[in-house]
Amino acid sequence: MKSPIFLAAFLLTAGGGIASSAPHDPIAGPLPPANTEIGRVARGTAYYCGGIGFVDMGAAVDRPAYYFRRRDGAIIGHCGGYCMADVHHRCRRECPPAGWTCTQRMPAPGRSRR
């Protein structure tokens, strides 16, 4: 019979592995105010992953999508339709930007998450 200490250590280790590999969902919320960079160009629901926000203005139909800093609304990633003519490969660096740790996809514009 294995000791209770071994069993507890195993369960803690296994549980930590499961928690760390679990998908991290972005959280829906309002856009920053209209006087911020993102607030001037985007409307609708934003999705937040830590300190970074994302808003899709119709990327599936060649319209823009943006990543922005939550604290000040500064755009840090021009994505979506912008990437069709990305001759400088900016989209590879910015979409998603460093720091975006969520692994789940956002719903298409106009659709709710289930």
Protein backbone atom coordinates (compact mmCIF):
# COMPACT_ATOMS: atom_id res chain seq x y z
CA MET A 1 0.00 0.00 0.00
CA LYS A 2 1.35 3.44 -0.92
CA SER A 3 1.75 6.06 1.77
CA PRO A 4 -0.79 8.91 2.08
CA ILE A 5 2.05 11.42 1.60
CA PHE A 6 2.94 9.88 -1.78
CA LEU A 7 -0.71 9.93 -2.84
CA ALA A 8 -1.15 13.58 -1.77
CA ALA A 9 2.03 14.61 -3.60
CA PHE A 10 0.88 12.78 -6.73
CA LEU A 11 -2.56 14.40 -6.68
CA LEU A 12 -1.10 17.88 -6.16
CA THR A 13 1.35 17.38 -9.03
CA ALA A 14 -1.28 15.95 -11.37
CA GLY A 15 -3.77 18.67 -10.49
CA GLY A 16 -1.19 21.39 -11.11
CA GLY A 17 -0.48 19.94 -14.54
CA ILE A 18 -4.12 19.88 -15.45
CA ALA A 19 -4.70 23.44 -14.27
CA SER A 20 -1.69 24.83 -16.12
CA SER A 21 -2.63 23.19 -19.42
CA ALA A 22 -6.33 24.08 -19.22
CA PRO A 23 -7.49 26.55 -21.87
CA HIS A 24 -7.73 30.14 -20.76
CA ASP A 25 -10.81 31.93 -22.07
CA PRO A 26 -10.86 35.61 -22.94
CA ILE A 27 -13.42 37.58 -20.91
CA ALA A 28 -15.97 39.80 -22.68
CA GLY A 29 -16.28 43.41 -21.61
CA PRO A 30 -16.80 46.96 -22.80
CA LEU A 31 -14.31 48.83 -24.96
CA PRO A 32 -12.26 51.63 -23.39
CA PRO A 33 -13.73 55.15 -23.70
CA ALA A 34 -14.11 56.93 -27.05
CA ASN A 35 -11.19 59.26 -26.26
CA THR A 36 -8.69 56.35 -26.47
CA GLU A 37 -7.05 55.13 -29.67
CA ILE A 38 -9.16 51.95 -29.82
CA GLY A 39 -12.28 53.81 -28.73
CA ARG A 40 -11.98 56.10 -31.75
CA VAL A 41 -11.90 53.26 -34.31
CA ALA A 42 -13.86 50.36 -32.82
CA ARG A 43 -17.34 49.59 -31.52
CA GLY A 44 -18.91 46.57 -29.90
CA THR A 45 -17.68 44.03 -27.39
CA ALA A 46 -14.05 43.60 -26.50
CA TYR A 47 -12.47 40.40 -25.21
CA TYR A 48 -9.78 40.67 -22.56
CA CYS A 49 -6.89 38.41 -21.71
CA GLY A 50 -5.08 39.96 -18.78
CA GLY A 51 -3.92 43.42 -19.78
CA ILE A 52 -4.64 42.99 -23.50
CA GLY A 53 -7.96 43.47 -25.26
CA PHE A 54 -9.18 42.29 -28.66
CA VAL A 55 -12.03 43.58 -30.81
CA ASP A 56 -13.15 42.13 -34.15
CA MET A 57 -14.76 44.58 -36.53
CA GLY A 58 -15.53 41.92 -39.16
CA ALA A 59 -12.20 40.22 -39.91
CA ALA A 60 -14.03 37.28 -41.52
CA VAL A 61 -15.12 39.63 -44.31
CA ASP A 62 -11.79 41.47 -44.68
CA ARG A 63 -12.50 44.17 -42.11
CA PRO A 64 -10.12 45.03 -39.26
CA ALA A 65 -9.53 43.42 -35.91
CA TYR A 66 -7.39 45.01 -33.22
CA TYR A 67 -5.44 44.11 -30.10
CA PHE A 68 -5.01 46.94 -27.61
CA ARG A 69 -3.64 47.69 -24.15
CA ARG A 70 -6.42 47.59 -21.62
CA ARG A 71 -4.98 50.32 -19.38
CA ASP A 72 -4.87 53.08 -21.99
CA GLY A 73 -6.62 51.76 -25.14
CA ALA A 74 -3.48 52.03 -27.32
CA ILE A 75 -3.63 49.73 -30.35
CA ILE A 76 -0.80 47.18 -30.30
CA GLY A 77 -1.97 44.91 -33.13
CA HIS A 78 -3.63 45.72 -36.45
CA CYS A 79 -5.11 42.43 -37.69
CA GLY A 80 -7.92 41.06 -39.84
CA GLY A 81 -8.28 42.66 -43.28
CA TYR A 82 -5.11 44.68 -42.65
CA CYS A 83 -3.12 41.45 -42.92
CA MET A 84 -4.09 40.85 -46.55
CA ALA A 85 -1.46 43.38 -47.66
CA ASP A 86 1.03 42.82 -44.83
CA VAL A 87 4.25 43.20 -46.82
CA HIS A 88 6.31 43.80 -43.66
CA HIS A 89 4.98 40.70 -41.84
CA ARG A 90 3.72 42.89 -39.01
CA CYS A 91 0.71 40.62 -38.48
CA ARG A 92 2.95 37.69 -37.55
CA ARG A 93 4.31 39.75 -34.64
CA GLU A 94 1.11 41.48 -33.62
CA CYS A 95 -1.68 38.95 -34.15
CA PRO A 96 -1.76 37.99 -31.37
CA PRO A 97 0.81 40.20 -29.65
CA ALA A 98 3.25 39.00 -27.02
CA GLY A 99 1.41 38.80 -23.73
CA TRP A 100 -1.84 37.39 -25.15
CA THR A 101 -2.05 34.12 -23.23
CA CYS A 102 -5.64 33.06 -23.91
CA THR A 103 -5.97 29.88 -25.91
CA GLN A 104 -9.70 29.85 -26.69
CA ARG A 105 -11.06 31.58 -29.78
CA MET A 106 -13.41 34.53 -29.54
CA PRO A 107 -16.92 34.20 -31.02
CA ALA A 108 -17.61 35.73 -34.40
CA PRO A 109 -19.02 39.27 -34.22
CA GLY A 110 -22.72 39.26 -33.40
CA ARG A 111 -22.64 35.78 -31.86
CA SER A 112 -22.68 35.03 -28.17
CA ARG A 113 -20.46 32.53 -26.39
CA ARG A 114 -22.01 29.34 -25.05
